Amino acid sequence: MNSLKSEDTALYYCAGGSMASIASMYDYWGQGTQVTVSS
């Protein structure tokens, strides 16, 4: 992740089993890692 913006602040999840844009299509999920971008 380069040129980070404040709008990128979120809990980021890794998911497996698909590359679709719909979360319900995925079979496996991590627990997340927090990214916080300060302004």
Full PDB file with SEQRES, HELIX, SHEET, SSBOND, CRYST1, ORIGX, SCALE, CONECT and MASTER records, all heavy atoms in Angstrom:
SEQRES   1 A   39  MET ASN SER LEU LYS SER GLU ASP THR ALA LEU TYR TYR          
SEQRES   2 A   39  CYS ALA GLY GLY SER MET ALA SER ILE ALA SER MET TYR          
SEQRES   3 A   39  ASP TYR TRP GLY GLN GLY THR GLN VAL THR VAL SER SER          
HELIX    1 AA1 SER A    6  ASP A    8  5                                   3    
HELIX    2 AA2 ALA A   23  MET A   25  5                                   3    
SHEET    1 AA1 2 ALA A  10  TYR A  12  0                                        
SHEET    2 AA1 2 THR A  33  VAL A  35 -1                                        
SHEET    1 AA2 2 ALA A  15  GLY A  16  0                                        
SHEET    2 AA2 2 TYR A  28  TRP A  29 -1                                        
CRYST1    1.000    1.000    1.000  90.00  90.00  90.00 P 1           1          
ORIGX1      1.000000  0.000000  0.000000        0.00000                         
ORIGX2      0.000000  1.000000  0.000000        0.00000                         
ORIGX3      0.000000  0.000000  1.000000        0.00000                         
SCALE1      1.000000  0.000000  0.000000        0.00000                         
SCALE2      0.000000  1.000000  0.000000        0.00000                         
SCALE3      0.000000  0.000000  1.000000        0.00000                         
ATOM      1  N   MET A   1       0.844  -1.180   0.000  1.00  0.00           N  
ATOM      2  CA  MET A   1       0.000   0.000   0.000  1.00  0.00           C  
ATOM      3  C   MET A   1       0.884   1.236   0.000  1.00  0.00           C  
ATOM      4  O   MET A   1       1.632   1.473   0.954  1.00  0.00           O  
ATOM      5  CB  MET A   1      -0.923   0.009   1.219  1.00  0.00           C  
ATOM      6  CG  MET A   1      -1.771  -1.252   1.350  1.00  0.00           C  
ATOM      7  SD  MET A   1      -2.954  -1.158   2.718  1.00  0.00           S  
ATOM      8  CE  MET A   1      -1.815  -1.103   4.100  1.00  0.00           C  
ATOM      9  N   ASN A   2       0.807   2.016  -1.065  1.00  0.00           N  
ATOM     10  CA  ASN A   2       1.574   3.249  -1.201  1.00  0.00           C  
ATOM     11  C   ASN A   2       0.629   4.446  -1.255  1.00  0.00           C  
ATOM     12  O   ASN A   2      -0.563   4.304  -1.515  1.00  0.00           O  
ATOM     13  CB  ASN A   2       2.428   3.217  -2.469  1.00  0.00           C  
ATOM     14  CG  ASN A   2       3.451   2.115  -2.464  1.00  0.00           C  
ATOM     15  OD1 ASN A   2       4.004   1.761  -1.424  1.00  0.00           O  
ATOM     16  ND2 ASN A   2       3.722   1.560  -3.647  1.00  0.00           N  
ATOM     17  N   SER A   3       1.181   5.625  -1.044  1.00  0.00           N  
ATOM     18  CA  SER A   3       0.412   6.876  -1.112  1.00  0.00           C  
ATOM     19  C   SER A   3      -0.865   6.780  -0.289  1.00  0.00           C  
ATOM     20  O   SER A   3      -1.957   7.127  -0.745  1.00  0.00           O  
ATOM     21  CB  SER A   3       0.095   7.223  -2.573  1.00  0.00           C  
ATOM     22  OG  SER A   3       1.274   7.365  -3.326  1.00  0.00           O  
ATOM     23  N   LEU A   4      -0.735   6.327   0.937  1.00  0.00           N  
ATOM     24  CA  LEU A   4      -1.897   6.079   1.777  1.00  0.00           C  
ATOM     25  C   LEU A   4      -2.644   7.364   2.107  1.00  0.00           C  
ATOM     26  O   LEU A   4      -2.035   8.420   2.301  1.00  0.00           O  
ATOM     27  CB  LEU A   4      -1.483   5.366   3.058  1.00  0.00           C  
ATOM     28  CG  LEU A   4      -1.202   3.875   2.872  1.00  0.00           C  
ATOM     29  CD1 LEU A   4      -0.380   3.335   4.038  1.00  0.00           C  
ATOM     30  CD2 LEU A   4      -2.507   3.099   2.730  1.00  0.00           C  
ATOM     31  N   LYS A   5      -3.965   7.241   2.159  1.00  0.00           N  
ATOM     32  CA  LYS A   5      -4.861   8.341   2.462  1.00  0.00           C  
ATOM     33  C   LYS A   5      -5.633   8.032   3.736  1.00  0.00           C  
ATOM     34  O   LYS A   5      -5.764   6.874   4.128  1.00  0.00           O  
ATOM     35  CB  LYS A   5      -5.847   8.561   1.307  1.00  0.00           C  
ATOM     36  CG  LYS A   5      -5.220   8.759  -0.050  1.00  0.00           C  
ATOM     37  CD  LYS A   5      -6.285   8.817  -1.139  1.00  0.00           C  
ATOM     38  CE  LYS A   5      -5.673   8.988  -2.506  1.00  0.00           C  
ATOM     39  NZ  LYS A   5      -6.712   9.017  -3.571  1.00  0.00           N  
ATOM     40  N   SER A   6      -6.188   9.060   4.358  1.00  0.00           N  
ATOM     41  CA  SER A   6      -6.985   8.842   5.558  1.00  0.00           C  
ATOM     42  C   SER A   6      -8.173   7.924   5.281  1.00  0.00           C  
ATOM     43  O   SER A   6      -8.589   7.163   6.165  1.00  0.00           O  
ATOM     44  CB  SER A   6      -7.464  10.170   6.137  1.00  0.00           C  
ATOM     45  OG  SER A   6      -8.263  10.882   5.206  1.00  0.00           O  
ATOM     46  N   GLU A   7      -8.702   7.956   4.057  1.00  0.00           N  
ATOM     47  CA  GLU A   7      -9.822   7.099   3.677  1.00  0.00           C  
ATOM     48  C   GLU A   7      -9.462   5.616   3.661  1.00  0.00           C  
ATOM     49  O   GLU A   7     -10.352   4.765   3.600  1.00  0.00           O  
ATOM     50  CB  GLU A   7     -10.359   7.482   2.289  1.00  0.00           C  
ATOM     51  CG  GLU A   7     -10.671   8.954   2.123  1.00  0.00           C  
ATOM     52  CD  GLU A   7      -9.526   9.723   1.503  1.00  0.00           C  
ATOM     53  OE1 GLU A   7      -8.637  10.156   2.260  1.00  0.00           O  
ATOM     54  OE2 GLU A   7      -9.525   9.904   0.263  1.00  0.00           O  
ATOM     55  N   ASP A   8      -8.162   5.278   3.695  1.00  0.00           N  
ATOM     56  CA  ASP A   8      -7.721   3.890   3.721  1.00  0.00           C  
ATOM     57  C   ASP A   8      -7.754   3.289   5.117  1.00  0.00           C  
ATOM     58  O   ASP A   8      -7.514   2.086   5.276  1.00  0.00           O  
ATOM     59  CB  ASP A   8      -6.306   3.768   3.159  1.00  0.00           C  
ATOM     60  CG  ASP A   8      -6.205   4.195   1.701  1.00  0.00           C  
ATOM     61  OD1 ASP A   8      -7.105   3.833   0.909  1.00  0.00           O  
ATOM     62  OD2 ASP A   8      -5.231   4.886   1.353  1.00  0.00           O  
ATOM     63  N   THR A   9      -8.019   4.094   6.130  1.00  0.00           N  
ATOM     64  CA  THR A   9      -8.077   3.597   7.501  1.00  0.00           C  
ATOM     65  C   THR A   9      -9.188   2.571   7.643  1.00  0.00           C  
ATOM     66  O   THR A   9     -10.350   2.849   7.340  1.00  0.00           O  
ATOM     67  CB  THR A   9      -8.298   4.753   8.481  1.00  0.00           C  
ATOM     68  OG1 THR A   9      -7.165   5.625   8.457  1.00  0.00           O  
ATOM     69  CG2 THR A   9      -8.485   4.238   9.903  1.00  0.00           C  
ATOM     70  N   ALA A  10      -8.834   1.366   8.085  1.00  0.00           N  
ATOM     71  CA  ALA A  10      -9.800   0.276   8.191  1.00  0.00           C  
ATOM     72  C   ALA A  10      -9.119  -0.938   8.812  1.00  0.00           C  
ATOM     73  O   ALA A  10      -7.892  -0.990   8.945  1.00  0.00           O  
ATOM     74  CB  ALA A  10     -10.366  -0.102   6.825  1.00  0.00           C  
ATOM     75  N   LEU A  11      -9.934  -1.922   9.161  1.00  0.00           N  
ATOM     76  CA  LEU A  11      -9.445  -3.246   9.507  1.00  0.00           C  
ATOM     77  C   LEU A  11      -9.352  -4.045   8.209  1.00  0.00           C  
ATOM     78  O   LEU A  11     -10.354  -4.201   7.511  1.00  0.00           O  
ATOM     79  CB  LEU A  11     -10.385  -3.921  10.499  1.00  0.00           C  
ATOM     80  CG  LEU A  11      -9.923  -5.240  11.113  1.00  0.00           C  
ATOM     81  CD1 LEU A  11      -8.681  -5.027  11.970  1.00  0.00           C  
ATOM     82  CD2 LEU A  11     -11.039  -5.850  11.949  1.00  0.00           C  
ATOM     83  N   TYR A  12      -8.162  -4.518   7.889  1.00  0.00           N  
ATOM     84  CA  TYR A  12      -7.923  -5.221   6.631  1.00  0.00           C  
ATOM     85  C   TYR A  12      -7.937  -6.727   6.848  1.00  0.00           C  
ATOM     86  O   TYR A  12      -7.249  -7.248   7.728  1.00  0.00           O  
ATOM     87  CB  TYR A  12      -6.581  -4.799   6.028  1.00  0.00           C  
ATOM     88  CG  TYR A  12      -6.646  -3.463   5.335  1.00  0.00           C  
ATOM     89  CD1 TYR A  12      -6.784  -2.292   6.073  1.00  0.00           C  
ATOM     90  CD2 TYR A  12      -6.583  -3.367   3.948  1.00  0.00           C  
ATOM     91  CE1 TYR A  12      -6.865  -1.060   5.445  1.00  0.00           C  
ATOM     92  CE2 TYR A  12      -6.656  -2.142   3.316  1.00  0.00           C  
ATOM     93  CZ  TYR A  12      -6.796  -0.991   4.063  1.00  0.00           C  
ATOM     94  OH  TYR A  12      -6.869   0.231   3.435  1.00  0.00           O  
ATOM     95  N   TYR A  13      -8.712  -7.423   6.019  1.00  0.00           N  
ATOM     96  CA  TYR A  13      -8.880  -8.865   6.119  1.00  0.00           C  
ATOM     97  C   TYR A  13      -8.331  -9.567   4.893  1.00  0.00           C  
ATOM     98  O   TYR A  13      -8.550  -9.121   3.767  1.00  0.00           O  
ATOM     99  CB  TYR A  13     -10.358  -9.241   6.224  1.00  0.00           C  
ATOM    100  CG  TYR A  13     -11.062  -8.781   7.475  1.00  0.00           C  
ATOM    101  CD1 TYR A  13     -11.724  -7.561   7.511  1.00  0.00           C  
ATOM    102  CD2 TYR A  13     -11.082  -9.584   8.607  1.00  0.00           C  
ATOM    103  CE1 TYR A  13     -12.386  -7.147   8.650  1.00  0.00           C  
ATOM    104  CE2 TYR A  13     -11.746  -9.170   9.749  1.00  0.00           C  
ATOM    105  CZ  TYR A  13     -12.398  -7.952   9.766  1.00  0.00           C  
ATOM    106  OH  TYR A  13     -13.056  -7.541  10.891  1.00  0.00           O  
ATOM    107  N   CYS A  14      -7.670 -10.669   5.109  1.00  0.00           N  
ATOM    108  CA  CYS A  14      -7.288 -11.591   4.060  1.00  0.00           C  
ATOM    109  C   CYS A  14      -8.395 -12.628   3.902  1.00  0.00           C  
ATOM    110  O   CYS A  14      -8.956 -13.095   4.893  1.00  0.00           O  
ATOM    111  CB  CYS A  14      -5.970 -12.265   4.426  1.00  0.00           C  
ATOM    112  SG  CYS A  14      -5.343 -13.446   3.223  1.00  0.00           S  
ATOM    113  N   ALA A  15      -8.731 -12.979   2.663  1.00  0.00           N  
ATOM    114  CA  ALA A  15      -9.784 -13.945   2.397  1.00  0.00           C  
ATOM    115  C   ALA A  15      -9.351 -14.902   1.308  1.00  0.00           C  
ATOM    116  O   ALA A  15      -8.628 -14.523   0.380  1.00  0.00           O  
ATOM    117  CB  ALA A  15     -11.068 -13.226   1.977  1.00  0.00           C  
ATOM    118  N   GLY A  16      -9.816 -16.151   1.394  1.00  0.00           N  
ATOM    119  CA  GLY A  16      -9.444 -17.160   0.424  1.00  0.00           C  
ATOM    120  C   GLY A  16     -10.629 -17.905  -0.142  1.00  0.00           C  
ATOM    121  O   GLY A  16     -11.671 -18.009   0.490  1.00  0.00           O  
ATOM    122  N   GLY A  17     -10.451 -18.428  -1.355  1.00  0.00           N  
ATOM    123  CA  GLY A  17     -11.453 -19.235  -2.014  1.00  0.00           C  
ATOM    124  C   GLY A  17     -12.093 -18.595  -3.219  1.00  0.00           C  
ATOM    125  O   GLY A  17     -12.857 -19.244  -3.926  1.00  0.00           O  
ATOM    126  N   SER A  18     -11.812 -17.320  -3.459  1.00  0.00           N  
ATOM    127  CA  SER A  18     -12.396 -16.586  -4.571  1.00  0.00           C  
ATOM    128  C   SER A  18     -11.562 -15.345  -4.824  1.00  0.00           C  
ATOM    129  O   SER A  18     -10.664 -15.016  -4.044  1.00  0.00           O  
ATOM    130  CB  SER A  18     -13.851 -16.209  -4.261  1.00  0.00           C  
ATOM    131  OG  SER A  18     -14.444 -15.514  -5.337  1.00  0.00           O  
ATOM    132  N   MET A  19     -11.835 -14.648  -5.903  1.00  0.00           N  
ATOM    133  CA  MET A  19     -11.341 -13.297  -6.104  1.00  0.00           C  
ATOM    134  C   MET A  19     -12.473 -12.380  -6.532  1.00  0.00           C  
ATOM    135  O   MET A  19     -12.259 -11.340  -7.140  1.00  0.00           O  
ATOM    136  CB  MET A  19     -10.176 -13.248  -7.107  1.00  0.00           C  
ATOM    137  CG  MET A  19     -10.441 -13.837  -8.471  1.00  0.00           C  
ATOM    138  SD  MET A  19      -8.932 -13.844  -9.506  1.00  0.00           S  
ATOM    139  CE  MET A  19      -8.586 -12.092  -9.627  1.00  0.00           C  
ATOM    140  N   ALA A  20     -13.691 -12.759  -6.170  1.00  0.00           N  
ATOM    141  CA  ALA A  20     -14.870 -11.952  -6.434  1.00  0.00           C  
ATOM    142  C   ALA A  20     -14.937 -10.775  -5.474  1.00  0.00           C  
ATOM    143  O   ALA A  20     -14.318 -10.770  -4.404  1.00  0.00           O  
ATOM    144  CB  ALA A  20     -16.130 -12.803  -6.309  1.00  0.00           C  
ATOM    145  N   SER A  21     -15.720  -9.778  -5.832  1.00  0.00           N  
ATOM    146  CA  SER A  21     -15.847  -8.573  -5.023  1.00  0.00           C  
ATOM    147  C   SER A  21     -16.928  -8.683  -3.952  1.00  0.00           C  
ATOM    148  O   SER A  21     -17.125  -7.731  -3.191  1.00  0.00           O  
ATOM    149  CB  SER A  21     -16.133  -7.363  -5.918  1.00  0.00           C  
ATOM    150  OG  SER A  21     -17.347  -7.521  -6.622  1.00  0.00           O  
ATOM    151  N   ILE A  22     -17.599  -9.829  -3.855  1.00  0.00           N  
ATOM    152  CA  ILE A  22     -18.673 -10.042  -2.892  1.00  0.00           C  
ATOM    153  C   ILE A  22     -18.148 -10.887  -1.746  1.00  0.00           C  
ATOM    154  O   ILE A  22     -17.693 -12.015  -1.950  1.00  0.00           O  
ATOM    155  CB  ILE A  22     -19.887 -10.722  -3.541  1.00  0.00           C  
ATOM    156  CG1 ILE A  22     -20.336  -9.933  -4.779  1.00  0.00           C  
ATOM    157  CG2 ILE A  22     -21.021 -10.867  -2.546  1.00  0.00           C  
ATOM    158  CD1 ILE A  22     -20.757  -8.518  -4.481  1.00  0.00           C  
ATOM    159  N   ALA A  23     -18.247 -10.388  -0.526  1.00  0.00           N  
ATOM    160  CA  ALA A  23     -17.662 -11.063   0.624  1.00  0.00           C  
ATOM    161  C   ALA A  23     -18.256 -12.447   0.856  1.00  0.00           C  
ATOM    162  O   ALA A  23     -17.555 -13.358   1.304  1.00  0.00           O  
ATOM    163  CB  ALA A  23     -17.828 -10.198   1.871  1.00  0.00           C  
ATOM    164  N   SER A  24     -19.533 -12.643   0.547  1.00  0.00           N  
ATOM    165  CA  SER A  24     -20.188 -13.920   0.797  1.00  0.00           C  
ATOM    166  C   SER A  24     -19.657 -15.049  -0.080  1.00  0.00           C  
ATOM    167  O   SER A  24     -19.956 -16.213   0.178  1.00  0.00           O  
ATOM    168  CB  SER A  24     -21.700 -13.787   0.609  1.00  0.00           C  
ATOM    169  OG  SER A  24     -22.018 -13.425  -0.724  1.00  0.00           O  
ATOM    170  N   MET A  25     -18.871 -14.740  -1.097  1.00  0.00           N  
ATOM    171  CA  MET A  25     -18.309 -15.748  -1.980  1.00  0.00           C  
ATOM    172  C   MET A  25     -17.068 -16.426  -1.406  1.00  0.00           C  
ATOM    173  O   MET A  25     -16.577 -17.394  -1.988  1.00  0.00           O  
ATOM    174  CB  MET A  25     -17.943 -15.127  -3.325  1.00  0.00           C  
ATOM    175  CG  MET A  25     -19.130 -14.557  -4.097  1.00  0.00           C  
ATOM    176  SD  MET A  25     -20.335 -15.826  -4.558  1.00  0.00           S  
ATOM    177  CE  MET A  25     -19.371 -16.792  -5.713  1.00  0.00           C  
ATOM    178  N   TYR A  26     -16.556 -15.962  -0.281  1.00  0.00           N  
ATOM    179  CA  TYR A  26     -15.288 -16.447   0.261  1.00  0.00           C  
ATOM    180  C   TYR A  26     -15.488 -17.505   1.336  1.00  0.00           C  
ATOM    181  O   TYR A  26     -16.389 -17.401   2.176  1.00  0.00           O  
ATOM    182  CB  TYR A  26     -14.458 -15.275   0.800  1.00  0.00           C  
ATOM    183  CG  TYR A  26     -13.947 -14.421  -0.324  1.00  0.00           C  
ATOM    184  CD1 TYR A  26     -14.769 -13.473  -0.915  1.00  0.00           C  
ATOM    185  CD2 TYR A  26     -12.667 -14.595  -0.828  1.00  0.00           C  
ATOM    186  CE1 TYR A  26     -14.321 -12.715  -1.984  1.00  0.00           C  
ATOM    187  CE2 TYR A  26     -12.213 -13.839  -1.887  1.00  0.00           C  
ATOM    188  CZ  TYR A  26     -13.043 -12.905  -2.462  1.00  0.00           C  
ATOM    189  OH  TYR A  26     -12.596 -12.153  -3.521  1.00  0.00           O  
ATOM    190  N   ASP A  27     -14.612 -18.513   1.309  1.00  0.00           N  
ATOM    191  CA  ASP A  27     -14.697 -19.635   2.231  1.00  0.00           C  
ATOM    192  C   ASP A  27     -13.875 -19.440   3.502  1.00  0.00           C  
ATOM    193  O   ASP A  27     -14.215 -20.013   4.549  1.00  0.00           O  
ATOM    194  CB  ASP A  27     -14.219 -20.917   1.544  1.00  0.00           C  
ATOM    195  CG  ASP A  27     -15.088 -21.315   0.366  1.00  0.00           C  
ATOM    196  OD1 ASP A  27     -16.321 -21.154   0.451  1.00  0.00           O  
ATOM    197  OD2 ASP A  27     -14.538 -21.804  -0.637  1.00  0.00           O  
ATOM    198  N   TYR A  28     -12.793 -18.665   3.426  1.00  0.00           N  
ATOM    199  CA  TYR A  28     -11.866 -18.537   4.541  1.00  0.00           C  
ATOM    200  C   TYR A  28     -11.509 -17.077   4.781  1.00  0.00           C  
ATOM    201  O   TYR A  28     -11.322 -16.306   3.839  1.00  0.00           O  
ATOM    202  CB  TYR A  28     -10.586 -19.333   4.266  1.00  0.00           C  
ATOM    203  CG  TYR A  28     -10.837 -20.786   3.976  1.00  0.00           C  
ATOM    204  CD1 TYR A  28     -10.814 -21.267   2.678  1.00  0.00           C  
ATOM    205  CD2 TYR A  28     -11.117 -21.677   5.009  1.00  0.00           C  
ATOM    206  CE1 TYR A  28     -11.057 -22.604   2.406  1.00  0.00           C  
ATOM    207  CE2 TYR A  28     -11.363 -23.012   4.742  1.00  0.00           C  
ATOM    208  CZ  TYR A  28     -11.331 -23.476   3.447  1.00  0.00           C  
ATOM    209  OH  TYR A  28     -11.576 -24.793   3.180  1.00  0.00           O  
ATOM    210  N   TRP A  29     -11.384 -16.710   6.068  1.00  0.00           N  
ATOM    211  CA  TRP A  29     -11.072 -15.346   6.481  1.00  0.00           C  
ATOM    212  C   TRP A  29     -10.051 -15.338   7.600  1.00  0.00           C  
ATOM    213  O   TRP A  29     -10.083 -16.188   8.495  1.00  0.00           O  
ATOM    214  CB  TRP A  29     -12.326 -14.628   6.981  1.00  0.00           C  
ATOM    215  CG  TRP A  29     -13.350 -14.388   5.935  1.00  0.00           C  
ATOM    216  CD1 TRP A  29     -14.356 -15.221   5.563  1.00  0.00           C  
ATOM    217  CD2 TRP A  29     -13.466 -13.220   5.120  1.00  0.00           C  
ATOM    218  NE1 TRP A  29     -15.099 -14.651   4.559  1.00  0.00           N  
ATOM    219  CE2 TRP A  29     -14.580 -13.428   4.274  1.00  0.00           C  
ATOM    220  CE3 TRP A  29     -12.751 -12.026   5.018  1.00  0.00           C  
ATOM    221  CZ2 TRP A  29     -14.986 -12.472   3.337  1.00  0.00           C  
ATOM    222  CZ3 TRP A  29     -13.150 -11.079   4.094  1.00  0.00           C  
ATOM    223  CH2 TRP A  29     -14.262 -11.310   3.267  1.00  0.00           C  
ATOM    224  N   GLY A  30      -9.142 -14.354   7.555  1.00  0.00           N  
ATOM    225  CA  GLY A  30      -8.306 -14.069   8.698  1.00  0.00           C  
ATOM    226  C   GLY A  30      -9.051 -13.204   9.698  1.00  0.00           C  
ATOM    227  O   GLY A  30     -10.206 -12.817   9.489  1.00  0.00           O  
ATOM    228  N   GLN A  31      -8.387 -12.878  10.809  1.00  0.00           N  
ATOM    229  CA  GLN A  31      -9.018 -12.079  11.856  1.00  0.00           C  
ATOM    230  C   GLN A  31      -8.802 -10.584  11.687  1.00  0.00           C  
ATOM    231  O   GLN A  31      -9.395  -9.796  12.417  1.00  0.00           O  
ATOM    232  CB  GLN A  31      -8.520 -12.529  13.233  1.00  0.00           C  
ATOM    233  CG  GLN A  31      -8.905 -13.959  13.560  1.00  0.00           C  
ATOM    234  CD  GLN A  31      -8.903 -14.246  15.042  1.00  0.00           C  
ATOM    235  OE1 GLN A  31      -9.268 -13.391  15.857  1.00  0.00           O  
ATOM    236  NE2 GLN A  31      -8.500 -15.451  15.392  1.00  0.00           N  
ATOM    237  N   GLY A  32      -7.978 -10.186  10.738  1.00  0.00           N  
ATOM    238  CA  GLY A  32      -7.814  -8.785  10.407  1.00  0.00           C  
ATOM    239  C   GLY A  32      -6.580  -8.152  11.019  1.00  0.00           C  
ATOM    240  O   GLY A  32      -6.087  -8.582  12.062  1.00  0.00           O  
ATOM    241  N   THR A  33      -6.077  -7.116  10.354  1.00  0.00           N  
ATOM    242  CA  THR A  33      -4.995  -6.292  10.875  1.00  0.00           C  
ATOM    243  C   THR A  33      -5.369  -4.828  10.657  1.00  0.00           C  
ATOM    244  O   THR A  33      -5.840  -4.450   9.586  1.00  0.00           O  
ATOM    245  CB  THR A  33      -3.647  -6.654  10.214  1.00  0.00           C  
ATOM    246  OG1 THR A  33      -2.584  -5.919  10.833  1.00  0.00           O  
ATOM    247  CG2 THR A  33      -3.645  -6.378   8.718  1.00  0.00           C  
ATOM    248  N   GLN A  34      -5.172  -4.007  11.679  1.00  0.00           N  
ATOM    249  CA  GLN A  34      -5.629  -2.621  11.645  1.00  0.00           C  
ATOM    250  C   GLN A  34      -4.627  -1.736  10.923  1.00  0.00           C  
ATOM    251  O   GLN A  34      -3.425  -1.767  11.212  1.00  0.00           O  
ATOM    252  CB  GLN A  34      -5.842  -2.090  13.068  1.00  0.00           C  
ATOM    253  CG  GLN A  34      -6.289  -0.635  13.133  1.00  0.00           C  
ATOM    254  CD  GLN A  34      -7.677  -0.423  12.570  1.00  0.00           C  
ATOM    255  OE1 GLN A  34      -8.580  -1.241  12.787  1.00  0.00           O  
ATOM    256  NE2 GLN A  34      -7.860   0.674  11.834  1.00  0.00           N  
ATOM    257  N   VAL A  35      -5.130  -0.926   9.990  1.00  0.00           N  
ATOM    258  CA  VAL A  35      -4.347   0.103   9.319  1.00  0.00           C  
ATOM    259  C   VAL A  35      -4.967   1.448   9.653  1.00  0.00           C  
ATOM    260  O   VAL A  35      -6.152   1.667   9.409  1.00  0.00           O  
ATOM    261  CB  VAL A  35      -4.316  -0.104   7.792  1.00  0.00           C  
ATOM    262  CG1 VAL A  35      -3.656   1.087   7.093  1.00  0.00           C  
ATOM    263  CG2 VAL A  35      -3.591  -1.392   7.447  1.00  0.00           C  
ATOM    264  N   THR A  36      -4.173   2.342  10.223  1.00  0.00           N  
ATOM    265  CA  THR A  36      -4.638   3.677  10.568  1.00  0.00           C  
ATOM    266  C   THR A  36      -3.742   4.700   9.892  1.00  0.00           C  
ATOM    267  O   THR A  36      -2.528   4.696  10.091  1.00  0.00           O  
ATOM    268  CB  THR A  36      -4.633   3.891  12.082  1.00  0.00           C  
ATOM    269  OG1 THR A  36      -5.455   2.906  12.713  1.00  0.00           O  
ATOM    270  CG2 THR A  36      -5.162   5.276  12.430  1.00  0.00           C  
ATOM    271  N   VAL A  37      -4.338   5.577   9.100  1.00  0.00           N  
ATOM    272  CA  VAL A  37      -3.607   6.607   8.370  1.00  0.00           C  
ATOM    273  C   VAL A  37      -3.951   7.954   8.993  1.00  0.00           C  
ATOM    274  O   VAL A  37      -5.111   8.369   8.988  1.00  0.00           O  
ATOM    275  CB  VAL A  37      -3.950   6.600   6.877  1.00  0.00           C  
ATOM    276  CG1 VAL A  37      -3.110   7.637   6.138  1.00  0.00           C  
ATOM    277  CG2 VAL A  37      -3.734   5.215   6.288  1.00  0.00           C  
ATOM    278  N   SER A  38      -2.958   8.633   9.528  1.00  0.00           N  
ATOM    279  CA  SER A  38      -3.166   9.920  10.170  1.00  0.00           C  
ATOM    280  C   SER A  38      -3.014  11.052   9.161  1.00  0.00           C  
ATOM    281  O   SER A  38      -2.236  10.954   8.207  1.00  0.00           O  
ATOM    282  CB  SER A  38      -2.188  10.114  11.325  1.00  0.00           C  
ATOM    283  OG  SER A  38      -0.850  10.118  10.865  1.00  0.00           O  
ATOM    284  N   SER A  39      -3.743  12.127   9.382  1.00  0.00           N  
ATOM    285  CA  SER A  39      -3.695  13.285   8.501  1.00  0.00           C  
ATOM    286  C   SER A  39      -2.904  14.414   9.126  1.00  0.00           C  
ATOM    287  O   SER A  39      -2.458  14.330  10.270  1.00  0.00           O  
ATOM    288  CB  SER A  39      -5.106  13.755   8.158  1.00  0.00           C  
ATOM    289  OG  SER A  39      -5.824  14.084   9.330  1.00  0.00           O  
TER     290      SER A  39                                                      
MASTER        0    0    0    2    4    0    0    6  289    1    0    3          
END                                                                             
